[in-house]
Amino acid sequence: MSKTIKEINEAIKSLHPKEGQVSDGYHTFDELYDFRRAYNAALVNTHVYPCIKSHRHSDGELCFGGGWFIVQMNLPTGQISNHYEDKYWGEFDCKEQECAEPWDGHTESDVLARLTELNQNSYRMPLSQRLTDEERERVRKLYIDANDKLKICLNAINYNQIAELDNECKKGINMGLILALKYIFGKELFGEGEG
């Protein structure tokens, strides 16, 4: 007589606290949760998308009464979040906040759909469109600063005022930075063609 999924799930719950050792024959639940946490931390630690961590939900309540924290990431496809035990806090290199951002109501299915859409579409967008507003502004400031320094260098050379240059190397570094920024971010940020 075969058991129903509900009966199997009840049997697994009755194993508490060792239910994480249940396996599909390849991986235990504990291993799969560890993989999920490590993959999520790897994405967070790329610093590509805005992310925060907090011991409190947006209403100020401690996550699950304490001992846990939430990690929230705002992807171009929507918000995703996961909870982890405090012992994993250091694995997530992102902004710490007193309270989490308001939850947008996403479900597990929404998170999977948002990640799947991100994987299918994000790298088809130009790099400049994958930046947050804050990152885009930082790139613009780098470009303006490098361009200003290059103009000073070129003016000094034009007027034979080489002594005003800190060193010849600065010119090359700034020129390289300007060209790299133009090549990577081109049209959207600087009004010129990408690549």
C-alpha atoms as a PDB file:
ATOM      1  CA  MET A   1       0.000   0.000   0.000  1.00  0.00           C
ATOM      2  CA  SER A   2       1.616   3.278  -1.122  1.00  0.00           C
ATOM      3  CA  LYS A   3       1.524   6.377   1.017  1.00  0.00           C
ATOM      4  CA  THR A   4       0.178   9.719  -0.135  1.00  0.00           C
ATOM      5  CA  ILE A   5       2.414  12.772  -0.427  1.00  0.00           C
ATOM      6  CA  LYS A   6       0.675  14.205   2.641  1.00  0.00           C
ATOM      7  CA  GLU A   7       1.465  11.078   4.677  1.00  0.00           C
ATOM      8  CA  ILE A   8       5.083  11.127   3.538  1.00  0.00           C
ATOM      9  CA  ASN A   9       5.415  14.815   4.463  1.00  0.00           C
ATOM     10  CA  GLU A  10       3.935  14.107   7.916  1.00  0.00           C
ATOM     11  CA  ALA A  11       6.410  11.247   8.400  1.00  0.00           C
ATOM     12  CA  ILE A  12       9.293  13.563   7.458  1.00  0.00           C
ATOM     13  CA  LYS A  13       8.089  16.229   9.920  1.00  0.00           C
ATOM     14  CA  SER A  14       7.987  13.598  12.676  1.00  0.00           C
ATOM     15  CA  LEU A  15      11.752  13.132  12.279  1.00  0.00           C
ATOM     16  CA  HIS A  16      12.399  16.615  13.758  1.00  0.00           C
ATOM     17  CA  PRO A  17      15.172  17.707  14.298  1.00  0.00           C
ATOM     18  CA  LYS A  18      16.746  15.250  11.839  1.00  0.00           C
ATOM     19  CA  GLU A  19      14.416  15.844   8.881  1.00  0.00           C
ATOM     20  CA  GLY A  20      17.273  17.577   7.064  1.00  0.00           C
ATOM     21  CA  GLN A  21      18.964  14.208   6.690  1.00  0.00           C
ATOM     22  CA  VAL A  22      16.179  12.898   4.427  1.00  0.00           C
ATOM     23  CA  SER A  23      17.572  12.304   0.950  1.00  0.00           C
ATOM     24  CA  ASP A  24      16.285  11.824  -2.563  1.00  0.00           C
ATOM     25  CA  GLY A  25      19.139   9.402  -3.059  1.00  0.00           C
ATOM     26  CA  TYR A  26      21.493  12.123  -4.254  1.00  0.00           C
ATOM     27  CA  HIS A  27      21.292  15.009  -1.773  1.00  0.00           C
ATOM     28  CA  THR A  28      19.858  15.548   1.675  1.00  0.00           C
ATOM     29  CA  PHE A  29      17.513  18.432   2.434  1.00  0.00           C
ATOM     30  CA  ASP A  30      20.329  19.986   4.470  1.00  0.00           C
ATOM     31  CA  GLU A  31      22.696  19.831   1.493  1.00  0.00           C
ATOM     32  CA  LEU A  32      20.115  21.398  -0.812  1.00  0.00           C
ATOM     33  CA  TYR A  33      19.486  24.250   1.640  1.00  0.00           C
ATOM     34  CA  ASP A  34      23.242  24.770   1.967  1.00  0.00           C
ATOM     35  CA  PHE A  35      23.540  24.927  -1.828  1.00  0.00           C
ATOM     36  CA  ARG A  36      20.669  27.430  -2.023  1.00  0.00           C
ATOM     37  CA  ARG A  37      22.259  29.635   0.650  1.00  0.00           C
ATOM     38  CA  ALA A  38      25.686  29.515  -1.050  1.00  0.00           C
ATOM     39  CA  TYR A  39      24.237  30.315  -4.489  1.00  0.00           C
ATOM     40  CA  ASN A  40      22.218  33.198  -3.034  1.00  0.00           C
ATOM     41  CA  ALA A  41      25.256  34.564  -1.175  1.00  0.00           C
ATOM     42  CA  ALA A  42      27.306  34.325  -4.382  1.00  0.00           C
ATOM     43  CA  LEU A  43      24.707  36.426  -6.236  1.00  0.00           C
ATOM     44  CA  VAL A  44      24.457  38.944  -3.380  1.00  0.00           C
ATOM     45  CA  ASN A  45      28.246  39.239  -3.125  1.00  0.00           C
ATOM     46  CA  THR A  46      28.606  40.198  -6.798  1.00  0.00           C
ATOM     47  CA  HIS A  47      27.134  43.584  -5.783  1.00  0.00           C
ATOM     48  CA  VAL A  48      25.372  43.781  -9.153  1.00  0.00           C
ATOM     49  CA  TYR A  49      21.881  44.277  -7.710  1.00  0.00           C
ATOM     50  CA  PRO A  50      20.760  46.331  -4.692  1.00  0.00           C
ATOM     51  CA  CYS A  51      20.633  44.115  -1.628  1.00  0.00           C
ATOM     52  CA  ILE A  52      20.132  44.488   2.115  1.00  0.00           C
ATOM     53  CA  LYS A  53      20.143  42.258   5.177  1.00  0.00           C
ATOM     54  CA  SER A  54      18.369  42.837   8.471  1.00  0.00           C
ATOM     55  CA  HIS A  55      17.462  41.031  11.680  1.00  0.00           C
ATOM     56  CA  ARG A  56      14.052  42.706  11.519  1.00  0.00           C
ATOM     57  CA  HIS A  57      11.191  42.648   9.064  1.00  0.00           C
ATOM     58  CA  SER A  58       9.855  45.972   7.762  1.00  0.00           C
ATOM     59  CA  ASP A  59       7.374  46.148  10.672  1.00  0.00           C
ATOM     60  CA  GLY A  60      10.273  46.135  13.155  1.00  0.00           C
ATOM     61  CA  GLU A  61       9.638  42.605  14.414  1.00  0.00           C
ATOM     62  CA  LEU A  62      12.631  40.269  14.779  1.00  0.00           C
ATOM     63  CA  CYS A  63      12.719  37.604  12.059  1.00  0.00           C
ATOM     64  CA  PHE A  64      11.025  34.504  13.521  1.00  0.00           C
ATOM     65  CA  GLY A  65      11.357  35.966  17.018  1.00  0.00           C
ATOM     66  CA  GLY A  66      15.170  36.246  16.848  1.00  0.00           C
ATOM     67  CA  GLY A  67      18.193  34.252  15.755  1.00  0.00           C
ATOM     68  CA  TRP A  68      17.393  34.775  12.070  1.00  0.00           C
ATOM     69  CA  PHE A  69      17.847  37.484   9.442  1.00  0.00           C
ATOM     70  CA  ILE A  70      16.370  38.319   6.064  1.00  0.00           C
ATOM     71  CA  VAL A  71      18.257  39.024   2.849  1.00  0.00           C
ATOM     72  CA  GLN A  72      16.358  41.043   0.237  1.00  0.00           C
ATOM     73  CA  MET A  73      17.522  41.723  -3.298  1.00  0.00           C
ATOM     74  CA  ASN A  74      15.853  44.023  -5.807  1.00  0.00           C
ATOM     75  CA  LEU A  75      16.339  42.518  -9.241  1.00  0.00           C
ATOM     76  CA  PRO A  76      15.162  44.136 -12.477  1.00  0.00           C
ATOM     77  CA  THR A  77      12.537  41.370 -12.433  1.00  0.00           C
ATOM     78  CA  GLY A  78      11.341  42.132  -8.878  1.00  0.00           C
ATOM     79  CA  GLN A  79      12.143  41.632  -5.219  1.00  0.00           C
ATOM     80  CA  ILE A  80      13.399  38.292  -3.880  1.00  0.00           C
ATOM     81  CA  SER A  81      14.166  37.363  -0.276  1.00  0.00           C
ATOM     82  CA  ASN A  82      15.266  34.508   1.951  1.00  0.00           C
ATOM     83  CA  HIS A  83      15.717  33.994   5.681  1.00  0.00           C
ATOM     84  CA  TYR A  84      18.833  32.498   7.259  1.00  0.00           C
ATOM     85  CA  GLU A  85      20.045  31.662  10.738  1.00  0.00           C
ATOM     86  CA  ASP A  86      22.293  34.305  12.330  1.00  0.00           C
ATOM     87  CA  LYS A  87      25.342  32.029  12.030  1.00  0.00           C
ATOM     88  CA  TYR A  88      25.318  32.762   8.267  1.00  0.00           C
ATOM     89  CA  TRP A  89      25.232  36.582   8.611  1.00  0.00           C
ATOM     90  CA  GLY A  90      28.858  37.012   7.540  1.00  0.00           C
ATOM     91  CA  GLU A  91      28.347  35.108   4.270  1.00  0.00           C
ATOM     92  CA  PHE A  92      26.273  37.957   2.816  1.00  0.00           C
ATOM     93  CA  ASP A  93      28.321  41.054   1.960  1.00  0.00           C
ATOM     94  CA  CYS A  94      25.599  43.665   1.557  1.00  0.00           C
ATOM     95  CA  LYS A  95      24.157  46.741   3.218  1.00  0.00           C
ATOM     96  CA  GLU A  96      22.907  46.198   6.781  1.00  0.00           C
ATOM     97  CA  GLN A  97      19.656  47.916   7.729  1.00  0.00           C
ATOM     98  CA  GLU A  98      17.756  48.250  11.001  1.00  0.00           C
ATOM     99  CA  CYS A  99      14.612  46.939   9.291  1.00  0.00           C
ATOM    100  CA  ALA A 100      14.013  45.182   5.987  1.00  0.00           C
ATOM    101  CA  GLU A 101      12.311  46.901   3.077  1.00  0.00           C
ATOM    102  CA  PRO A 102       8.554  46.303   2.774  1.00  0.00           C
ATOM    103  CA  TRP A 103       7.782  42.849   1.360  1.00  0.00           C
ATOM    104  CA  ASP A 104       6.129  43.024  -2.066  1.00  0.00           C
ATOM    105  CA  GLY A 105       4.073  39.887  -1.409  1.00  0.00           C
ATOM    106  CA  HIS A 106       6.214  37.548  -3.528  1.00  0.00           C
ATOM    107  CA  THR A 107       5.764  33.808  -3.161  1.00  0.00           C
ATOM    108  CA  GLU A 108       8.260  30.996  -3.695  1.00  0.00           C
ATOM    109  CA  SER A 109       6.885  30.662  -7.238  1.00  0.00           C
ATOM    110  CA  ASP A 110       7.402  34.385  -7.845  1.00  0.00           C
ATOM    111  CA  VAL A 111      11.024  34.172  -6.686  1.00  0.00           C
ATOM    112  CA  LEU A 112      11.719  31.257  -9.024  1.00  0.00           C
ATOM    113  CA  ALA A 113      10.004  33.048 -11.920  1.00  0.00           C
ATOM    114  CA  ARG A 114      11.943  36.274 -11.236  1.00  0.00           C
ATOM    115  CA  LEU A 115      15.276  34.460 -11.087  1.00  0.00           C
ATOM    116  CA  THR A 116      14.456  32.461 -14.221  1.00  0.00           C
ATOM    117  CA  GLU A 117      13.491  35.622 -16.115  1.00  0.00           C
ATOM    118  CA  LEU A 118      16.679  37.325 -14.902  1.00  0.00           C
ATOM    119  CA  ASN A 119      18.763  34.379 -16.135  1.00  0.00           C
ATOM    120  CA  GLN A 120      17.036  34.378 -19.511  1.00  0.00           C
ATOM    121  CA  ASN A 121      17.081  38.104 -20.168  1.00  0.00           C
ATOM    122  CA  SER A 122      19.543  40.138 -18.110  1.00  0.00           C
ATOM    123  CA  TYR A 123      22.690  39.435 -20.074  1.00  0.00           C
ATOM    124  CA  ARG A 124      20.956  40.339 -23.311  1.00  0.00           C
ATOM    125  CA  MET A 125      20.677  43.909 -22.024  1.00  0.00           C
ATOM    126  CA  PRO A 126      23.634  46.275 -22.463  1.00  0.00           C
ATOM    127  CA  LEU A 127      25.759  46.463 -19.327  1.00  0.00           C
ATOM    128  CA  SER A 128      24.739  50.083 -18.775  1.00  0.00           C
ATOM    129  CA  GLN A 129      21.081  49.035 -18.470  1.00  0.00           C
ATOM    130  CA  ARG A 130      21.915  46.447 -15.817  1.00  0.00           C
ATOM    131  CA  LEU A 131      23.259  49.089 -13.430  1.00  0.00           C
ATOM    132  CA  THR A 132      21.312  50.561 -10.554  1.00  0.00           C
ATOM    133  CA  ASP A 133      20.745  54.318 -10.585  1.00  0.00           C
ATOM    134  CA  GLU A 134      23.414  54.673  -7.892  1.00  0.00           C
ATOM    135  CA  GLU A 135      25.949  52.668  -9.942  1.00  0.00           C
ATOM    136  CA  ARG A 136      25.076  54.593 -13.103  1.00  0.00           C
ATOM    137  CA  GLU A 137      25.708  57.895 -11.295  1.00  0.00           C
ATOM    138  CA  ARG A 138      29.043  56.626  -9.961  1.00  0.00           C
ATOM    139  CA  VAL A 139      30.144  55.709 -13.505  1.00  0.00           C
ATOM    140  CA  ARG A 140      29.101  59.152 -14.784  1.00  0.00           C
ATOM    141  CA  LYS A 141      31.143  60.844 -12.031  1.00  0.00           C
ATOM    142  CA  LEU A 142      34.175  58.661 -12.823  1.00  0.00           C
ATOM    143  CA  TYR A 143      33.887  59.610 -16.477  1.00  0.00           C
ATOM    144  CA  ILE A 144      33.561  63.334 -15.767  1.00  0.00           C
ATOM    145  CA  ASP A 145      36.495  63.266 -13.322  1.00  0.00           C
ATOM    146  CA  ALA A 146      38.727  61.322 -15.723  1.00  0.00           C
ATOM    147  CA  ASN A 147      37.741  63.555 -18.638  1.00  0.00           C
ATOM    148  CA  ASP A 148      38.514  66.724 -16.615  1.00  0.00           C
ATOM    149  CA  LYS A 149      41.923  65.370 -15.634  1.00  0.00           C
ATOM    150  CA  LEU A 150      42.674  64.407 -19.220  1.00  0.00           C
ATOM    151  CA  LYS A 151      41.826  67.949 -20.400  1.00  0.00           C
ATOM    152  CA  ILE A 152      44.258  69.382 -17.839  1.00  0.00           C
ATOM    153  CA  CYS A 153      46.963  67.000 -19.057  1.00  0.00           C
ATOM    154  CA  LEU A 154      46.364  67.821 -22.716  1.00  0.00           C
ATOM    155  CA  ASN A 155      46.311  71.578 -22.037  1.00  0.00           C
ATOM    156  CA  ALA A 156      49.587  71.311 -20.164  1.00  0.00           C
ATOM    157  CA  ILE A 157      51.139  69.459 -23.088  1.00  0.00           C
ATOM    158  CA  ASN A 158      49.769  71.985 -25.611  1.00  0.00           C
ATOM    159  CA  TYR A 159      51.299  74.872 -23.678  1.00  0.00           C
ATOM    160  CA  ASN A 160      54.559  73.044 -22.977  1.00  0.00           C
ATOM    161  CA  GLN A 161      53.758  73.071 -19.259  1.00  0.00           C
ATOM    162  CA  ILE A 162      54.857  69.490 -18.701  1.00  0.00           C
ATOM    163  CA  ALA A 163      56.012  70.401 -15.175  1.00  0.00           C
ATOM    164  CA  GLU A 164      52.338  70.871 -14.205  1.00  0.00           C
ATOM    165  CA  LEU A 165      51.660  67.204 -14.800  1.00  0.00           C
ATOM    166  CA  ASP A 166      52.103  65.008 -11.746  1.00  0.00           C
ATOM    167  CA  ASN A 167      53.556  62.438 -14.130  1.00  0.00           C
ATOM    168  CA  GLU A 168      53.144  61.262 -17.691  1.00  0.00           C
ATOM    169  CA  CYS A 169      51.550  58.055 -16.442  1.00  0.00           C
ATOM    170  CA  LYS A 170      48.487  59.909 -15.136  1.00  0.00           C
ATOM    171  CA  LYS A 171      47.579  60.944 -18.663  1.00  0.00           C
ATOM    172  CA  GLY A 172      47.650  57.382 -19.905  1.00  0.00           C
ATOM    173  CA  ILE A 173      45.627  56.066 -16.984  1.00  0.00           C
ATOM    174  CA  ASN A 174      42.944  58.716 -17.380  1.00  0.00           C
ATOM    175  CA  MET A 175      42.799  58.246 -21.156  1.00  0.00           C
ATOM    176  CA  GLY A 176      42.425  54.516 -20.638  1.00  0.00           C
ATOM    177  CA  LEU A 177      39.665  55.017 -18.096  1.00  0.00           C
ATOM    178  CA  ILE A 178      37.764  57.368 -20.391  1.00  0.00           C
ATOM    179  CA  LEU A 179      38.018  54.974 -23.322  1.00  0.00           C
ATOM    180  CA  ALA A 180      36.981  52.003 -21.159  1.00  0.00           C
ATOM    181  CA  LEU A 181      33.960  53.844 -19.763  1.00  0.00           C
ATOM    182  CA  LYS A 182      32.918  55.001 -23.240  1.00  0.00           C
ATOM    183  CA  TYR A 183      33.345  51.499 -24.663  1.00  0.00           C
ATOM    184  CA  ILE A 184      31.415  49.772 -21.871  1.00  0.00           C
ATOM    185  CA  PHE A 185      28.638  52.274 -21.304  1.00  0.00           C
ATOM    186  CA  GLY A 186      28.657  54.283 -24.528  1.00  0.00           C
ATOM    187  CA  LYS A 187      25.426  55.672 -25.882  1.00  0.00           C
ATOM    188  CA  GLU A 188      23.180  55.558 -22.828  1.00  0.00           C
ATOM    189  CA  LEU A 189      25.545  57.361 -20.476  1.00  0.00           C
ATOM    190  CA  PHE A 190      27.640  59.475 -22.806  1.00  0.00           C
ATOM    191  CA  GLY A 191      25.510  59.946 -25.916  1.00  0.00           C
ATOM    192  CA  GLU A 192      27.811  57.801 -28.055  1.00  0.00           C
ATOM    193  CA  GLY A 193      27.507  54.326 -29.542  1.00  0.00           C
ATOM    194  CA  GLU A 194      28.238  51.310 -27.340  1.00  0.00           C
ATOM    195  CA  GLY A 195      31.078  48.996 -28.132  1.00  0.00           C
END
